[in-house]
Amino acid sequence: MKEIRFGPNTDDHDFNFKVKHAINFLGEGAKVKASVFFRGRSIVYKERGEILLLKFAQALEEHGKVEQLPKLEGKNMSILVQPKAKK
C-alpha cells in the first residue's frame, strides 16, 4: 500500500503531480491511500478536504476503483483506491 498526503489547500499543479504518482502505483498493482491532513485550525475546512479526495478518486477512475469513501479519523481524512483487475 502506498500513501499520498495532501493539505486542505493543495494547488492544482501539486494535485496533478500526485495523481500521476498514484497512477504509477496503481499500475504496479499497489493500493493507494490518499489522505488529507489537517493541522491546527485547518480542521474547519473539512468540506474542502472531502472535495479534494473525491476529485482525486474521479481522476483515478479509469485506473482503479474506490474501496473506501472519504472517512475522517482524528485530524486525517482518507480514501482507499485499489487497482482495477488486469485484462
N, C-alpha and C. Protein backbone atom coordinates (compact mmCIF):
# COMPACT_ATOMS: atom_id res chain seq x y z
N MET A 1 0.85 -1.17 0.00
CA MET A 1 0.00 0.00 0.00
C MET A 1 0.90 1.24 0.00
N LYS A 2 0.55 2.19 -0.86
CA LYS A 2 1.27 3.45 -0.95
C LYS A 2 0.36 4.56 -0.44
N GLU A 3 0.95 5.56 0.21
CA GLU A 3 0.14 6.66 0.73
C GLU A 3 0.56 7.97 0.07
N ILE A 4 -0.43 8.76 -0.27
CA ILE A 4 -0.22 10.10 -0.82
C ILE A 4 -0.92 11.07 0.10
N ARG A 5 -0.19 12.10 0.53
CA ARG A 5 -0.74 13.05 1.51
C ARG A 5 -0.97 14.41 0.86
N PHE A 6 -2.07 15.01 1.20
CA PHE A 6 -2.44 16.34 0.75
C PHE A 6 -2.69 17.24 1.95
N GLY A 7 -2.62 18.54 1.74
CA GLY A 7 -3.11 19.51 2.70
C GLY A 7 -4.47 19.96 2.19
N PRO A 8 -5.27 20.60 3.01
CA PRO A 8 -6.60 21.02 2.54
C PRO A 8 -6.54 22.11 1.47
N ASN A 9 -5.41 22.80 1.34
CA ASN A 9 -5.28 23.88 0.36
C ASN A 9 -4.30 23.51 -0.75
N THR A 10 -4.24 22.26 -1.15
CA THR A 10 -3.32 21.81 -2.19
C THR A 10 -3.68 22.45 -3.52
N ASP A 11 -2.66 22.95 -4.23
CA ASP A 11 -2.85 23.63 -5.50
C ASP A 11 -3.02 22.61 -6.64
N ASP A 12 -3.51 23.08 -7.79
CA ASP A 12 -3.78 22.19 -8.94
C ASP A 12 -2.53 21.49 -9.44
N HIS A 13 -1.40 22.21 -9.54
CA HIS A 13 -0.18 21.58 -10.06
C HIS A 13 0.28 20.45 -9.14
N ASP A 14 0.28 20.70 -7.84
CA ASP A 14 0.67 19.66 -6.88
C ASP A 14 -0.29 18.49 -6.94
N PHE A 15 -1.56 18.79 -7.08
CA PHE A 15 -2.59 17.75 -7.17
C PHE A 15 -2.33 16.86 -8.39
N ASN A 16 -2.09 17.47 -9.55
CA ASN A 16 -1.85 16.70 -10.77
C ASN A 16 -0.57 15.87 -10.67
N PHE A 17 0.46 16.40 -10.04
CA PHE A 17 1.71 15.69 -9.84
C PHE A 17 1.48 14.43 -9.00
N LYS A 18 0.68 14.56 -7.96
CA LYS A 18 0.41 13.42 -7.08
C LYS A 18 -0.52 12.40 -7.74
N VAL A 19 -1.41 12.86 -8.61
CA VAL A 19 -2.27 11.94 -9.36
C VAL A 19 -1.41 11.08 -10.28
N LYS A 20 -0.40 11.66 -10.93
CA LYS A 20 0.49 10.89 -11.80
C LYS A 20 1.22 9.81 -11.02
N HIS A 21 1.67 10.15 -9.81
CA HIS A 21 2.33 9.16 -8.97
C HIS A 21 1.35 8.03 -8.60
N ALA A 22 0.12 8.39 -8.27
CA ALA A 22 -0.88 7.39 -7.90
C ALA A 22 -1.18 6.46 -9.07
N ILE A 23 -1.21 7.00 -10.29
CA ILE A 23 -1.44 6.16 -11.47
C ILE A 23 -0.31 5.16 -11.63
N ASN A 24 0.93 5.60 -11.39
CA ASN A 24 2.06 4.67 -11.46
C ASN A 24 1.95 3.58 -10.40
N PHE A 25 1.57 3.96 -9.18
CA PHE A 25 1.44 2.98 -8.10
C PHE A 25 0.36 1.96 -8.43
N LEU A 26 -0.78 2.42 -8.96
CA LEU A 26 -1.87 1.50 -9.32
C LEU A 26 -1.44 0.59 -10.47
N GLY A 27 -0.65 1.12 -11.39
CA GLY A 27 -0.14 0.31 -12.49
C GLY A 27 0.78 -0.81 -12.03
N GLU A 28 1.49 -0.56 -10.91
CA GLU A 28 2.36 -1.58 -10.33
C GLU A 28 1.57 -2.60 -9.51
N GLY A 29 0.29 -2.32 -9.28
CA GLY A 29 -0.55 -3.26 -8.53
C GLY A 29 -0.69 -2.93 -7.05
N ALA A 30 -0.24 -1.77 -6.63
CA ALA A 30 -0.34 -1.38 -5.22
C ALA A 30 -1.63 -0.62 -4.96
N LYS A 31 -2.18 -0.78 -3.76
CA LYS A 31 -3.31 0.05 -3.36
C LYS A 31 -2.78 1.43 -3.01
N VAL A 32 -3.63 2.43 -3.17
CA VAL A 32 -3.23 3.81 -2.87
C VAL A 32 -4.16 4.37 -1.81
N LYS A 33 -3.56 4.87 -0.73
CA LYS A 33 -4.33 5.55 0.31
C LYS A 33 -4.00 7.02 0.20
N ALA A 34 -5.00 7.82 -0.11
CA ALA A 34 -4.81 9.27 -0.19
C ALA A 34 -5.40 9.88 1.06
N SER A 35 -4.63 10.75 1.70
CA SER A 35 -5.13 11.35 2.92
C SER A 35 -4.88 12.86 2.92
N VAL A 36 -5.82 13.56 3.53
CA VAL A 36 -5.70 15.00 3.73
C VAL A 36 -5.45 15.19 5.22
N PHE A 37 -4.35 15.86 5.56
CA PHE A 37 -4.05 16.08 6.96
C PHE A 37 -4.39 17.52 7.32
N PHE A 38 -5.04 17.67 8.45
CA PHE A 38 -5.46 18.98 8.93
C PHE A 38 -4.59 19.36 10.12
N ARG A 39 -3.89 20.49 10.00
CA ARG A 39 -3.05 20.98 11.09
C ARG A 39 -3.71 22.19 11.73
N GLY A 40 -3.65 22.24 13.02
CA GLY A 40 -4.17 23.41 13.75
C GLY A 40 -5.63 23.69 13.45
N ARG A 41 -5.91 24.93 13.04
CA ARG A 41 -7.29 25.32 12.80
C ARG A 41 -7.78 24.97 11.41
N SER A 42 -6.96 24.33 10.59
CA SER A 42 -7.40 23.97 9.24
C SER A 42 -8.48 22.89 9.26
N ILE A 43 -8.77 22.32 10.43
CA ILE A 43 -9.83 21.31 10.55
C ILE A 43 -11.19 21.90 10.19
N VAL A 44 -11.31 23.24 10.21
CA VAL A 44 -12.59 23.86 9.84
C VAL A 44 -12.86 23.74 8.34
N TYR A 45 -11.86 23.29 7.54
CA TYR A 45 -12.03 23.12 6.10
C TYR A 45 -12.27 21.67 5.72
N LYS A 46 -13.04 20.95 6.53
CA LYS A 46 -13.30 19.53 6.27
C LYS A 46 -13.93 19.32 4.90
N GLU A 47 -14.84 20.22 4.51
CA GLU A 47 -15.52 20.08 3.22
C GLU A 47 -14.51 20.18 2.08
N ARG A 48 -13.55 21.09 2.21
CA ARG A 48 -12.54 21.28 1.18
C ARG A 48 -11.69 20.01 1.03
N GLY A 49 -11.38 19.36 2.15
CA GLY A 49 -10.61 18.12 2.11
C GLY A 49 -11.40 17.00 1.46
N GLU A 50 -12.68 16.91 1.77
CA GLU A 50 -13.52 15.87 1.17
C GLU A 50 -13.67 16.08 -0.34
N ILE A 51 -13.84 17.32 -0.77
CA ILE A 51 -13.93 17.62 -2.20
C ILE A 51 -12.63 17.23 -2.90
N LEU A 52 -11.50 17.51 -2.27
CA LEU A 52 -10.20 17.18 -2.84
C LEU A 52 -10.05 15.67 -3.03
N LEU A 53 -10.47 14.89 -2.03
CA LEU A 53 -10.36 13.43 -2.13
C LEU A 53 -11.31 12.86 -3.18
N LEU A 54 -12.51 13.40 -3.28
CA LEU A 54 -13.45 12.92 -4.30
C LEU A 54 -12.95 13.27 -5.70
N LYS A 55 -12.33 14.43 -5.84
CA LYS A 55 -11.72 14.82 -7.12
C LYS A 55 -10.57 13.88 -7.46
N PHE A 56 -9.80 13.48 -6.45
CA PHE A 56 -8.70 12.53 -6.62
C PHE A 56 -9.23 11.18 -7.09
N ALA A 57 -10.31 10.71 -6.47
CA ALA A 57 -10.92 9.43 -6.85
C ALA A 57 -11.45 9.49 -8.28
N GLN A 58 -12.01 10.62 -8.67
CA GLN A 58 -12.53 10.78 -10.02
C GLN A 58 -11.39 10.78 -11.04
N ALA A 59 -10.25 11.36 -10.69
CA ALA A 59 -9.10 11.40 -11.60
C ALA A 59 -8.53 10.00 -11.82
N LEU A 60 -8.68 9.11 -10.83
CA LEU A 60 -8.14 7.74 -10.92
C LEU A 60 -9.19 6.73 -11.36
N GLU A 61 -10.34 7.20 -11.81
CA GLU A 61 -11.48 6.34 -12.10
C GLU A 61 -11.15 5.23 -13.11
N GLU A 62 -10.35 5.52 -14.13
CA GLU A 62 -10.07 4.51 -15.15
C GLU A 62 -8.90 3.61 -14.78
N HIS A 63 -8.19 3.94 -13.71
CA HIS A 63 -7.04 3.13 -13.29
C HIS A 63 -7.33 2.28 -12.06
N GLY A 64 -8.31 2.69 -11.26
CA GLY A 64 -8.62 1.96 -10.04
C GLY A 64 -10.03 2.25 -9.58
N LYS A 65 -10.47 1.49 -8.59
CA LYS A 65 -11.80 1.74 -8.05
C LYS A 65 -11.71 2.03 -6.56
N VAL A 66 -12.64 2.83 -6.09
CA VAL A 66 -12.64 3.28 -4.70
C VAL A 66 -13.08 2.12 -3.81
N GLU A 67 -12.24 1.81 -2.85
CA GLU A 67 -12.56 0.74 -1.89
C GLU A 67 -13.22 1.32 -0.65
N GLN A 68 -12.81 2.55 -0.29
CA GLN A 68 -13.34 3.19 0.92
C GLN A 68 -13.54 4.67 0.62
N LEU A 69 -14.73 5.16 0.84
CA LEU A 69 -15.03 6.58 0.62
C LEU A 69 -14.36 7.43 1.69
N PRO A 70 -14.29 8.76 1.49
CA PRO A 70 -13.61 9.62 2.48
C PRO A 70 -14.15 9.43 3.90
N LYS A 71 -13.21 9.22 4.82
CA LYS A 71 -13.57 8.98 6.21
C LYS A 71 -12.64 9.81 7.09
N LEU A 72 -13.20 10.53 8.03
CA LEU A 72 -12.42 11.38 8.92
C LEU A 72 -12.05 10.59 10.17
N GLU A 73 -10.72 10.52 10.43
CA GLU A 73 -10.21 9.85 11.63
C GLU A 73 -9.29 10.83 12.34
N GLY A 74 -9.79 11.44 13.39
CA GLY A 74 -8.99 12.44 14.09
C GLY A 74 -8.76 13.65 13.21
N LYS A 75 -7.49 13.93 12.88
CA LYS A 75 -7.15 15.07 12.02
C LYS A 75 -6.81 14.64 10.61
N ASN A 76 -7.06 13.39 10.26
CA ASN A 76 -6.80 12.89 8.91
C ASN A 76 -8.10 12.43 8.27
N MET A 77 -8.26 12.76 7.00
CA MET A 77 -9.38 12.24 6.21
C MET A 77 -8.74 11.41 5.09
N SER A 78 -9.21 10.18 4.91
CA SER A 78 -8.54 9.33 3.93
C SER A 78 -9.53 8.60 3.03
N ILE A 79 -8.99 8.15 1.89
CA ILE A 79 -9.74 7.39 0.90
C ILE A 79 -8.81 6.28 0.43
N LEU A 80 -9.36 5.13 0.09
CA LEU A 80 -8.56 3.99 -0.34
C LEU A 80 -8.97 3.59 -1.75
N VAL A 81 -7.99 3.46 -2.65
CA VAL A 81 -8.24 3.11 -4.04
C VAL A 81 -7.46 1.86 -4.36
N GLN A 82 -8.13 0.87 -4.93
CA GLN A 82 -7.45 -0.36 -5.32
C GLN A 82 -7.34 -0.43 -6.83
N PRO A 83 -6.31 -1.08 -7.37
CA PRO A 83 -6.15 -1.14 -8.82
C PRO A 83 -7.24 -1.99 -9.45
N LYS A 84 -7.59 -1.65 -10.69
CA LYS A 84 -8.55 -2.46 -11.42
C LYS A 84 -7.87 -3.75 -11.87
N ALA A 85 -8.63 -4.81 -12.01
CA ALA A 85 -8.08 -6.10 -12.43
C ALA A 85 -7.56 -5.97 -13.86
N LYS A 86 -6.38 -6.56 -14.09
CA LYS A 86 -5.81 -6.51 -15.44
C LYS A 86 -6.51 -7.51 -16.33
N LYS A 87 -6.68 -7.12 -17.58
CA LYS A 87 -7.40 -7.97 -18.52
C LYS A 87 -6.47 -8.94 -19.21
